[in-house]
Amino acid sequence: MRRGRLGFWLRLAVFVIKPTLTVFTKRRWLGRRNIPATGGVIVAVNHISYVDPFLVARFVYDAGRLPRFMAKAGLFQLPVAGRILRGAGQIPVHRYSENAPAALAAATSALQRGECVVIYPEGTVTRDPGYWPMRARTGVARLALDTGAPVVPVGQWGAQRILGRDAKPHLLSRRTVWFVAGPPVDLSAYAGREPVARALREMTELIMTQIRDLVGQLRDEQPPDDVYDPRPLTPVADDGHRRSA
């Protein structure tokens, strides 16, 4: 494994996270060989729990790579976690602000240096009632198009039973968490294309389809045909249907 050098804050994170997860979880890792050992790579994973970052970090670390996360800027303001995130060189995402493009620029630079960037295409914990992956943002597609880095889809299941949307931790017994990495998504048809909205949306859907299939594999269920869309709806149109904003 070639993870590269661990700075102080990454060593601290590994020292704290690994034994904690060992105590509170049973881990079932699948497909880790699909994450390239070297070179820039985007790991795209579904988001189901507030403990996801720790579990994803462990999965990627056990695959031999150091994860570089794109995380909500608000997390960087937390007293302890924020300092660790900043010290470990993670990437703050300022959504809905003039600083938002800076996250993609930082992620692009990291990929060009041969690093492993982890991204949640959905942007937040899924709001789908059944915890299936919901409609994603197109940042992951833009990042792939700008850098040419492979996108490895990862599906996970089980973390929502530890700390899901109800925000009540369930730590009385060890929970089993499942992760599976699939082969890189074939985005060759879009190489060299302009980052127009249609191309970015198509690429994003290709990535999310593979993630949904991986989640279905872990759940032994067929993903639903209708993908939950978290965007607000506009008033009823003339044809009697509601439209997403």
Foldseek 3Di string as FASTA:
>chain_A
DPADDADPLNVVLCVPLVVVLVQAADEDEAALPLPDLWAFAEEEEAAFFPCVVSVVQVNNVVSNYGEAEAEAQVQLPDDPSVVSNVVRNHAHADPPDPCRVVRLVSSLVCRVVTHYYYYHQQRHHDPPPVSFGAQGHLSVVVSCQVRVHFYKYKYKDWNCQQAGPVRDGDRPHHIYMYMYIDHTQPPVVCHPPDPDPVSSSVVSVSRSVVRRVNNCVVVVHDRDPDGHDPADWDPQDPVRDIHGD
